[in-house]
C-alpha atoms as a PDB file:
ATOM      1  CA  UNK A   1     249.675 197.900 118.942  1.00  0.00           C
ATOM      2  CA  UNK A   2     251.297 201.272 118.299  1.00  0.00           C
ATOM      3  CA  UNK A   3     252.588 200.088 114.922  1.00  0.00           C
ATOM      4  CA  UNK A   4     249.105 198.940 113.888  1.00  0.00           C
ATOM      5  CA  UNK A   5     247.592 202.291 114.837  1.00  0.00           C
ATOM      6  CA  UNK A   6     250.361 204.067 112.944  1.00  0.00           C
ATOM      7  CA  UNK A   7     249.696 201.943 109.867  1.00  0.00           C
ATOM      8  CA  UNK A   8     245.956 202.648 110.083  1.00  0.00           C
ATOM      9  CA  UNK A   9     246.575 206.369 110.314  1.00  0.00           C
ATOM     10  CA  UNK A  10     248.960 206.195 107.396  1.00  0.00           C
ATOM     11  CA  UNK A  11     246.446 204.294 105.264  1.00  0.00           C
ATOM     12  CA  UNK A  12     243.766 206.824 106.102  1.00  0.00           C
ATOM     13  CA  UNK A  13     246.098 209.719 105.324  1.00  0.00           C
ATOM     14  CA  UNK A  14     247.018 208.194 101.956  1.00  0.00           C
ATOM     15  CA  UNK A  15     243.344 207.630 101.151  1.00  0.00           C
ATOM     16  CA  UNK A  16     242.511 211.260 101.955  1.00  0.00           C
ATOM     17  CA  UNK A  17     245.443 212.372  99.826  1.00  0.00           C
ATOM     18  CA  UNK A  18     244.091 210.326  96.909  1.00  0.00           C
ATOM     19  CA  UNK A  19     240.621 211.816  97.373  1.00  0.00           C
ATOM     20  CA  UNK A  20     242.009 215.355  97.324  1.00  0.00           C
ATOM     21  CA  UNK A  21     244.139 214.558  94.278  1.00  0.00           C
ATOM     22  CA  UNK A  22     241.112 213.359  92.314  1.00  0.00           C
ATOM     23  CA  UNK A  23     239.085 216.332  93.530  1.00  0.00           C
ATOM     24  CA  UNK A  24     241.849 218.703  92.406  1.00  0.00           C
ATOM     25  CA  UNK A  25     241.955 217.004  89.013  1.00  0.00           C
ATOM     26  CA  UNK A  26     238.211 217.513  88.577  1.00  0.00           C
ATOM     27  CA  UNK A  27     238.380 221.150  89.652  1.00  0.00           C
ATOM     28  CA  UNK A  28     241.267 221.843  87.253  1.00  0.00           C
ATOM     29  CA  UNK A  29     239.257 220.289  84.419  1.00  0.00           C
ATOM     30  CA  UNK A  30     236.392 222.604  85.304  1.00  0.00           C
ATOM     31  CA  UNK A  31     238.684 225.644  85.291  1.00  0.00           C
ATOM     32  CA  UNK A  32     240.241 224.737  81.947  1.00  0.00           C
ATOM     33  CA  UNK A  33     236.844 224.072  80.321  1.00  0.00           C
ATOM     34  CA  UNK A  34     234.583 226.497  82.212  1.00  0.00           C
ATOM     35  CA  UNK A  35     231.545 226.295  79.927  1.00  0.00           C
ATOM     36  CA  UNK A  36     229.690 223.868  82.193  1.00  0.00           C
ATOM     37  CA  UNK A  37     230.324 226.106  85.202  1.00  0.00           C
ATOM     38  CA  UNK A  38     229.100 229.169  83.291  1.00  0.00           C
ATOM     39  CA  UNK A  39     225.861 227.460  82.310  1.00  0.00           C
ATOM     40  CA  UNK A  40     225.449 226.107  85.853  1.00  0.00           C
ATOM     41  CA  UNK A  41     225.561 229.708  87.102  1.00  0.00           C
ATOM     42  CA  UNK A  42     223.414 231.187  84.316  1.00  0.00           C
ATOM     43  CA  UNK A  43     220.518 228.798  84.912  1.00  0.00           C
ATOM     44  CA  UNK A  44     219.751 229.857  88.511  1.00  0.00           C
ATOM     45  CA  UNK A  45     220.306 233.515  87.581  1.00  0.00           C
ATOM     46  CA  UNK A  46     217.625 233.132  84.920  1.00  0.00           C
ATOM     47  CA  UNK A  47     215.289 231.537  87.486  1.00  0.00           C
ATOM     48  CA  UNK A  48     215.919 234.420  89.885  1.00  0.00           C
ATOM     49  CA  UNK A  49     215.218 237.087  87.273  1.00  0.00           C
ATOM     50  CA  UNK A  50     212.183 235.266  85.887  1.00  0.00           C
ATOM     51  CA  UNK A  51     210.430 234.711  89.204  1.00  0.00           C
ATOM     52  CA  UNK A  52     211.591 237.994  90.725  1.00  0.00           C
ATOM     53  CA  UNK A  53     210.395 240.281  87.945  1.00  0.00           C
ATOM     54  CA  UNK A  54     207.767 238.268  86.038  1.00  0.00           C
ATOM     55  CA  UNK A  55     205.889 236.095  88.538  1.00  0.00           C
ATOM     56  CA  UNK A  56     206.502 237.924  91.828  1.00  0.00           C
ATOM     57  CA  UNK A  57     203.318 239.986  91.670  1.00  0.00           C
ATOM     58  CA  UNK A  58     201.160 236.911  91.117  1.00  0.00           C
ATOM     59  CA  UNK A  59     202.480 234.838  94.058  1.00  0.00           C
ATOM     60  CA  UNK A  60     201.359 235.894  97.568  1.00  0.00           C
ATOM     61  CA  UNK A  61     203.627 234.593 100.314  1.00  0.00           C
ATOM     62  CA  UNK A  62     202.289 236.100 103.530  1.00  0.00           C
ATOM     63  CA  UNK A  63     203.485 238.784 105.917  1.00  0.00           C
ATOM     64  CA  UNK A  64     206.217 236.677 107.553  1.00  0.00           C
ATOM     65  CA  UNK A  65     208.473 236.985 104.527  1.00  0.00           C
ATOM     66  CA  UNK A  66     208.005 240.674 103.769  1.00  0.00           C
ATOM     67  CA  UNK A  67     208.228 240.258 100.006  1.00  0.00           C
ATOM     68  CA  UNK A  68     208.339 237.464  97.460  1.00  0.00           C
ATOM     69  CA  UNK A  69     212.062 237.924  96.808  1.00  0.00           C
ATOM     70  CA  UNK A  70     212.787 236.971 100.425  1.00  0.00           C
ATOM     71  CA  UNK A  71     210.719 233.829  99.942  1.00  0.00           C
ATOM     72  CA  UNK A  72     212.293 233.066  96.559  1.00  0.00           C
ATOM     73  CA  UNK A  73     216.052 233.342  97.096  1.00  0.00           C
ATOM     74  CA  UNK A  74     216.428 230.640  99.800  1.00  0.00           C
ATOM     75  CA  UNK A  75     214.405 228.284  97.595  1.00  0.00           C
ATOM     76  CA  UNK A  76     216.509 229.093  94.537  1.00  0.00           C
ATOM     77  CA  UNK A  77     219.672 228.400  96.552  1.00  0.00           C
ATOM     78  CA  UNK A  78     218.354 224.964  97.534  1.00  0.00           C
ATOM     79  CA  UNK A  79     217.394 224.219  93.933  1.00  0.00           C
ATOM     80  CA  UNK A  80     220.808 225.380  92.702  1.00  0.00           C
ATOM     81  CA  UNK A  81     222.757 223.097  95.030  1.00  0.00           C
ATOM     82  CA  UNK A  82     220.570 220.122  94.097  1.00  0.00           C
ATOM     83  CA  UNK A  83     221.025 220.777  90.394  1.00  0.00           C
ATOM     84  CA  UNK A  84     224.747 221.174  91.034  1.00  0.00           C
ATOM     85  CA  UNK A  85     224.872 217.680  92.521  1.00  0.00           C
ATOM     86  CA  UNK A  86     223.729 216.340  89.138  1.00  0.00           C
ATOM     87  CA  UNK A  87     227.278 217.065  87.961  1.00  0.00           C
ATOM     88  CA  UNK A  88     228.395 213.974  89.879  1.00  0.00           C
ATOM     89  CA  UNK A  89     226.390 211.725  87.547  1.00  0.00           C
ATOM     90  CA  UNK A  90     227.559 213.506  84.405  1.00  0.00           C
ATOM     91  CA  UNK A  91     231.221 213.613  85.457  1.00  0.00           C
ATOM     92  CA  UNK A  92     231.389 209.942  86.417  1.00  0.00           C
ATOM     93  CA  UNK A  93     229.613 208.901  83.230  1.00  0.00           C
ATOM     94  CA  UNK A  94     232.158 210.874  81.178  1.00  0.00           C
ATOM     95  CA  UNK A  95     235.110 209.339  83.047  1.00  0.00           C
ATOM     96  CA  UNK A  96     233.660 205.873  82.594  1.00  0.00           C
ATOM     97  CA  UNK A  97     232.972 206.450  78.896  1.00  0.00           C
ATOM     98  CA  UNK A  98     236.530 207.686  78.273  1.00  0.00           C
ATOM     99  CA  UNK A  99     238.111 204.774  80.116  1.00  0.00           C
ATOM    100  CA  UNK A 100     239.607 206.985  82.836  1.00  0.00           C
ATOM    101  CA  UNK A 101     238.125 204.957  85.666  1.00  0.00           C
ATOM    102  CA  UNK A 102     239.895 201.838  84.343  1.00  0.00           C
ATOM    103  CA  UNK A 103     243.150 203.782  84.319  1.00  0.00           C
ATOM    104  CA  UNK A 104     242.570 204.959  87.887  1.00  0.00           C
ATOM    105  CA  UNK A 105     241.987 201.357  88.891  1.00  0.00           C
ATOM    106  CA  UNK A 106     245.445 200.425  87.605  1.00  0.00           C
ATOM    107  CA  UNK A 107     247.093 203.066  89.784  1.00  0.00           C
ATOM    108  CA  UNK A 108     248.224 202.440  93.386  1.00  0.00           C
ATOM    109  CA  UNK A 109     245.467 204.510  94.941  1.00  0.00           C
ATOM    110  CA  UNK A 110     242.508 204.066  97.264  1.00  0.00           C
ATOM    111  CA  UNK A 111     239.499 202.699  95.371  1.00  0.00           C
ATOM    112  CA  UNK A 112     237.177 205.083  97.191  1.00  0.00           C
ATOM    113  CA  UNK A 113     239.129 208.076  95.861  1.00  0.00           C
ATOM    114  CA  UNK A 114     237.356 208.261  92.498  1.00  0.00           C
ATOM    115  CA  UNK A 115     233.850 208.470  93.963  1.00  0.00           C
ATOM    116  CA  UNK A 116     234.778 210.565  96.979  1.00  0.00           C
ATOM    117  CA  UNK A 117     236.976 212.876  94.915  1.00  0.00           C
ATOM    118  CA  UNK A 118     234.162 213.482  92.444  1.00  0.00           C
ATOM    119  CA  UNK A 119     231.645 214.306  95.185  1.00  0.00           C
ATOM    120  CA  UNK A 120     234.140 216.606  96.943  1.00  0.00           C
ATOM    121  CA  UNK A 121     234.917 218.527  93.746  1.00  0.00           C
ATOM    122  CA  UNK A 122     231.209 218.911  92.998  1.00  0.00           C
ATOM    123  CA  UNK A 123     230.721 220.174  96.548  1.00  0.00           C
ATOM    124  CA  UNK A 124     233.410 222.807  95.920  1.00  0.00           C
ATOM    125  CA  UNK A 125     231.657 223.837  92.713  1.00  0.00           C
ATOM    126  CA  UNK A 126     228.382 224.111  94.606  1.00  0.00           C
ATOM    127  CA  UNK A 127     229.994 226.421  97.151  1.00  0.00           C
ATOM    128  CA  UNK A 128     231.161 228.753  94.385  1.00  0.00           C
ATOM    129  CA  UNK A 129     227.733 228.786  92.727  1.00  0.00           C
ATOM    130  CA  UNK A 130     226.093 229.365  96.107  1.00  0.00           C
ATOM    131  CA  UNK A 131     228.240 232.463  96.677  1.00  0.00           C
ATOM    132  CA  UNK A 132     227.427 233.820  93.218  1.00  0.00           C
ATOM    133  CA  UNK A 133     223.668 233.319  93.534  1.00  0.00           C
ATOM    134  CA  UNK A 134     223.699 234.801  97.040  1.00  0.00           C
ATOM    135  CA  UNK A 135     225.281 237.932  95.577  1.00  0.00           C
ATOM    136  CA  UNK A 136     222.668 238.032  92.806  1.00  0.00           C
ATOM    137  CA  UNK A 137     219.973 237.691  95.447  1.00  0.00           C
ATOM    138  CA  UNK A 138     221.209 240.743  97.319  1.00  0.00           C
ATOM    139  CA  UNK A 139     221.311 242.694  94.048  1.00  0.00           C
ATOM    140  CA  UNK A 140     217.625 241.980  93.340  1.00  0.00           C
ATOM    141  CA  UNK A 141     216.476 242.960  96.826  1.00  0.00           C
ATOM    142  CA  UNK A 142     216.944 239.921  99.069  1.00  0.00           C
ATOM    143  CA  UNK A 143     216.975 241.038 102.695  1.00  0.00           C
ATOM    144  CA  UNK A 144     217.474 238.154 105.158  1.00  0.00           C
ATOM    145  CA  UNK A 145     216.264 238.815 108.671  1.00  0.00           C
ATOM    146  CA  UNK A 146     218.197 236.071 110.410  1.00  0.00           C
ATOM    147  CA  UNK A 147     221.656 236.317 111.940  1.00  0.00           C
ATOM    148  CA  UNK A 148     224.877 235.738 110.041  1.00  0.00           C
ATOM    149  CA  UNK A 149     225.451 232.520 111.998  1.00  0.00           C
ATOM    150  CA  UNK A 150     221.983 231.285 111.017  1.00  0.00           C
ATOM    151  CA  UNK A 151     222.768 232.141 107.396  1.00  0.00           C
ATOM    152  CA  UNK A 152     225.921 230.008 107.584  1.00  0.00           C
ATOM    153  CA  UNK A 153     223.938 227.195 109.183  1.00  0.00           C
ATOM    154  CA  UNK A 154     221.425 227.339 106.347  1.00  0.00           C
ATOM    155  CA  UNK A 155     224.225 227.229 103.776  1.00  0.00           C
ATOM    156  CA  UNK A 156     225.847 224.230 105.450  1.00  0.00           C
ATOM    157  CA  UNK A 157     222.482 222.489 105.635  1.00  0.00           C
ATOM    158  CA  UNK A 158     221.726 222.794 101.919  1.00  0.00           C
ATOM    159  CA  UNK A 159     225.295 221.898 100.928  1.00  0.00           C
ATOM    160  CA  UNK A 160     225.183 218.807 103.148  1.00  0.00           C
ATOM    161  CA  UNK A 161     221.832 217.792 101.688  1.00  0.00           C
ATOM    162  CA  UNK A 162     223.106 218.196  98.124  1.00  0.00           C
ATOM    163  CA  UNK A 163     226.325 216.336  98.938  1.00  0.00           C
ATOM    164  CA  UNK A 164     224.391 213.350 100.237  1.00  0.00           C
ATOM    165  CA  UNK A 165     222.226 213.377  97.121  1.00  0.00           C
ATOM    166  CA  UNK A 166     225.339 213.401  94.944  1.00  0.00           C
ATOM    167  CA  UNK A 167     226.052 209.838  96.050  1.00  0.00           C
ATOM    168  CA  UNK A 168     222.739 208.822  94.511  1.00  0.00           C
ATOM    169  CA  UNK A 169     223.629 210.662  91.326  1.00  0.00           C
ATOM    170  CA  UNK A 170     226.948 208.807  91.398  1.00  0.00           C
ATOM    171  CA  UNK A 171     224.977 205.582  91.069  1.00  0.00           C
ATOM    172  CA  UNK A 172     223.168 206.980  88.026  1.00  0.00           C
ATOM    173  CA  UNK A 173     226.426 208.113  86.446  1.00  0.00           C
ATOM    174  CA  UNK A 174     227.987 204.672  86.853  1.00  0.00           C
ATOM    175  CA  UNK A 175     224.883 202.900  85.536  1.00  0.00           C
ATOM    176  CA  UNK A 176     224.405 205.137  82.478  1.00  0.00           C
ATOM    177  CA  UNK A 177     226.166 204.287  79.193  1.00  0.00           C
ATOM    178  CA  UNK A 178     227.191 207.916  78.568  1.00  0.00           C
ATOM    179  CA  UNK A 179     226.958 211.405  80.032  1.00  0.00           C
ATOM    180  CA  UNK A 180     223.953 212.419  77.909  1.00  0.00           C
ATOM    181  CA  UNK A 181     221.954 209.463  79.199  1.00  0.00           C
ATOM    182  CA  UNK A 182     223.081 210.185  82.755  1.00  0.00           C
ATOM    183  CA  UNK A 183     221.791 213.733  82.513  1.00  0.00           C
ATOM    184  CA  UNK A 184     218.509 212.546  81.013  1.00  0.00           C
ATOM    185  CA  UNK A 185     218.090 210.017  83.825  1.00  0.00           C
ATOM    186  CA  UNK A 186     218.525 212.586  86.596  1.00  0.00           C
ATOM    187  CA  UNK A 187     215.932 215.145  85.562  1.00  0.00           C
ATOM    188  CA  UNK A 188     212.826 212.915  85.909  1.00  0.00           C
ATOM    189  CA  UNK A 189     213.979 212.413  89.489  1.00  0.00           C
ATOM    190  CA  UNK A 190     214.799 215.970  90.513  1.00  0.00           C
ATOM    191  CA  UNK A 191     212.115 217.879  88.602  1.00  0.00           C
ATOM    192  CA  UNK A 192     209.148 216.526  90.631  1.00  0.00           C
ATOM    193  CA  UNK A 193     211.095 217.076  93.841  1.00  0.00           C
ATOM    194  CA  UNK A 194     212.055 220.661  93.028  1.00  0.00           C
ATOM    195  CA  UNK A 195     208.930 221.960  91.303  1.00  0.00           C
ATOM    196  CA  UNK A 196     206.377 220.099  93.439  1.00  0.00           C
ATOM    197  CA  UNK A 197     207.850 221.699  96.537  1.00  0.00           C
ATOM    198  CA  UNK A 198     207.874 224.971  98.458  1.00  0.00           C
ATOM    199  CA  UNK A 199     210.885 226.313  96.533  1.00  0.00           C
ATOM    200  CA  UNK A 200     208.891 228.718  94.345  1.00  0.00           C
ATOM    201  CA  UNK A 201     205.395 228.905  95.842  1.00  0.00           C
ATOM    202  CA  UNK A 202     203.784 228.341  99.257  1.00  0.00           C
ATOM    203  CA  UNK A 203     202.324 224.895  99.697  1.00  0.00           C
ATOM    204  CA  UNK A 204     198.881 226.372 100.421  1.00  0.00           C
ATOM    205  CA  UNK A 205     198.585 227.412  96.774  1.00  0.00           C
ATOM    206  CA  UNK A 206     198.723 223.789  95.599  1.00  0.00           C
ATOM    207  CA  UNK A 207     195.808 221.340  95.307  1.00  0.00           C
ATOM    208  CA  UNK A 208     195.174 219.494  98.560  1.00  0.00           C
ATOM    209  CA  UNK A 209     196.171 216.113  97.108  1.00  0.00           C
ATOM    210  CA  UNK A 210     199.521 217.532  95.993  1.00  0.00           C
ATOM    211  CA  UNK A 211     200.175 219.264  99.304  1.00  0.00           C
ATOM    212  CA  UNK A 212     200.511 215.901 101.045  1.00  0.00           C
ATOM    213  CA  UNK A 213     203.441 214.949  98.847  1.00  0.00           C
ATOM    214  CA  UNK A 214     204.976 218.417  98.615  1.00  0.00           C
ATOM    215  CA  UNK A 215     204.898 219.066 102.347  1.00  0.00           C
ATOM    216  CA  UNK A 216     206.621 215.825 103.348  1.00  0.00           C
ATOM    217  CA  UNK A 217     209.216 215.368 100.634  1.00  0.00           C
ATOM    218  CA  UNK A 218     212.879 216.193 101.421  1.00  0.00           C
ATOM    219  CA  UNK A 219     213.334 219.203  99.143  1.00  0.00           C
ATOM    220  CA  UNK A 220     210.422 221.069 100.733  1.00  0.00           C
ATOM    221  CA  UNK A 221     211.732 220.301 104.202  1.00  0.00           C
ATOM    222  CA  UNK A 222     215.179 221.579 103.244  1.00  0.00           C
ATOM    223  CA  UNK A 223     213.746 224.699 101.599  1.00  0.00           C
ATOM    224  CA  UNK A 224     211.616 225.452 104.669  1.00  0.00           C
ATOM    225  CA  UNK A 225     214.601 224.970 106.975  1.00  0.00           C
ATOM    226  CA  UNK A 226     216.893 227.156 104.875  1.00  0.00           C
ATOM    227  CA  UNK A 227     214.219 229.838 104.503  1.00  0.00           C
ATOM    228  CA  UNK A 228     213.460 229.827 108.208  1.00  0.00           C
ATOM    229  CA  UNK A 229     217.132 230.121 109.200  1.00  0.00           C
ATOM    230  CA  UNK A 230     217.954 232.845 106.679  1.00  0.00           C
ATOM    231  CA  UNK A 231     214.861 234.938 107.375  1.00  0.00           C
ATOM    232  CA  UNK A 232     214.601 234.259 111.086  1.00  0.00           C
ATOM    233  CA  UNK A 233     211.044 232.913 110.878  1.00  0.00           C
ATOM    234  CA  UNK A 234     209.573 229.799 112.555  1.00  0.00           C
ATOM    235  CA  UNK A 235     210.140 226.588 110.592  1.00  0.00           C
ATOM    236  CA  UNK A 236     209.299 223.844 113.076  1.00  0.00           C
ATOM    237  CA  UNK A 237     211.393 220.689 112.874  1.00  0.00           C
ATOM    238  CA  UNK A 238     212.307 221.176 109.223  1.00  0.00           C
ATOM    239  CA  UNK A 239     216.051 221.395 109.965  1.00  0.00           C
ATOM    240  CA  UNK A 240     216.121 218.064 111.772  1.00  0.00           C
ATOM    241  CA  UNK A 241     213.889 216.397 109.193  1.00  0.00           C
ATOM    242  CA  UNK A 242     216.144 217.641 106.387  1.00  0.00           C
ATOM    243  CA  UNK A 243     219.233 216.323 108.173  1.00  0.00           C
ATOM    244  CA  UNK A 244     217.501 212.977 108.687  1.00  0.00           C
ATOM    245  CA  UNK A 245     216.682 212.783 104.961  1.00  0.00           C
ATOM    246  CA  UNK A 246     220.285 213.654 104.086  1.00  0.00           C
ATOM    247  CA  UNK A 247     221.754 211.093 106.477  1.00  0.00           C
ATOM    248  CA  UNK A 248     219.343 208.423 105.255  1.00  0.00           C
ATOM    249  CA  UNK A 249     220.222 209.170 101.624  1.00  0.00           C
ATOM    250  CA  UNK A 250     223.941 208.938 102.358  1.00  0.00           C
ATOM    251  CA  UNK A 251     223.605 205.673 104.289  1.00  0.00           C
ATOM    252  CA  UNK A 252     221.494 204.117 101.533  1.00  0.00           C
ATOM    253  CA  UNK A 253     222.988 205.571  98.358  1.00  0.00           C
ATOM    254  CA  UNK A 254     226.642 205.646  99.405  1.00  0.00           C
ATOM    255  CA  UNK A 255     227.027 201.852  99.734  1.00  0.00           C
ATOM    256  CA  UNK A 256     224.864 201.341  96.640  1.00  0.00           C
ATOM    257  CA  UNK A 257     227.118 203.569  94.528  1.00  0.00           C
ATOM    258  CA  UNK A 258     230.226 201.930  95.948  1.00  0.00           C
ATOM    259  CA  UNK A 259     228.896 198.482  95.046  1.00  0.00           C
ATOM    260  CA  UNK A 260     228.185 199.519  91.466  1.00  0.00           C
ATOM    261  CA  UNK A 261     231.591 201.178  91.214  1.00  0.00           C
ATOM    262  CA  UNK A 262     233.320 197.938  92.210  1.00  0.00           C
ATOM    263  CA  UNK A 263     231.510 196.156  89.386  1.00  0.00           C
ATOM    264  CA  UNK A 264     232.273 198.655  86.645  1.00  0.00           C
ATOM    265  CA  UNK A 265     235.825 199.385  87.762  1.00  0.00           C
END
């Protein structure tokens, strides 16, 4: 019995080592060719500057938030992590197109390492982008009213949500014939979720028929939870609803991506 448990632990340890090796490989590729990371950071900075200095005066948000920039930055952070998860689809599509996944299959490594390593490396990239955009937010006047612990909780919540979504994007990356198609396939999915949400504007400003969708979809729930935690304002059950969406996405999309990976690899 002891030997079996030792073997199980060893197999798990080797699998985790393979995952970290693949994740390190992806991160090194990002460091050596940083253009994608630069553009991933520039895009949310442009959103921050655009909405902070162009649209801020035209969007009332209510007294709870103090100013529009306090309403905006938590939403931008949620949007940024979701857009960052799209990198999972693009990266897997590139690896598949170049034949790297077939080479990985020939190596004595855990089969889950390619998918898990990709999602872990994209999570690490999201953490870096999150830190950068947080700094930009403070520079343009963001003043969170919540505690530091609540701020960390909000960050973990949005990173967890984006990580779970990345398993769905992994499915797209494995199903697409190339990285360009993978990217094109993701945006019709994330654009309605991000722009028809409470990321940029309060839900009350939308038409009543759109509010029903916007209020109950996962991105709005995550944005409301993150905003409430960071600013220290009431946000109901949004945190628990967001976690439920994330867990449901992982339970559904994780096995689906794994099944497709077994077919293509």
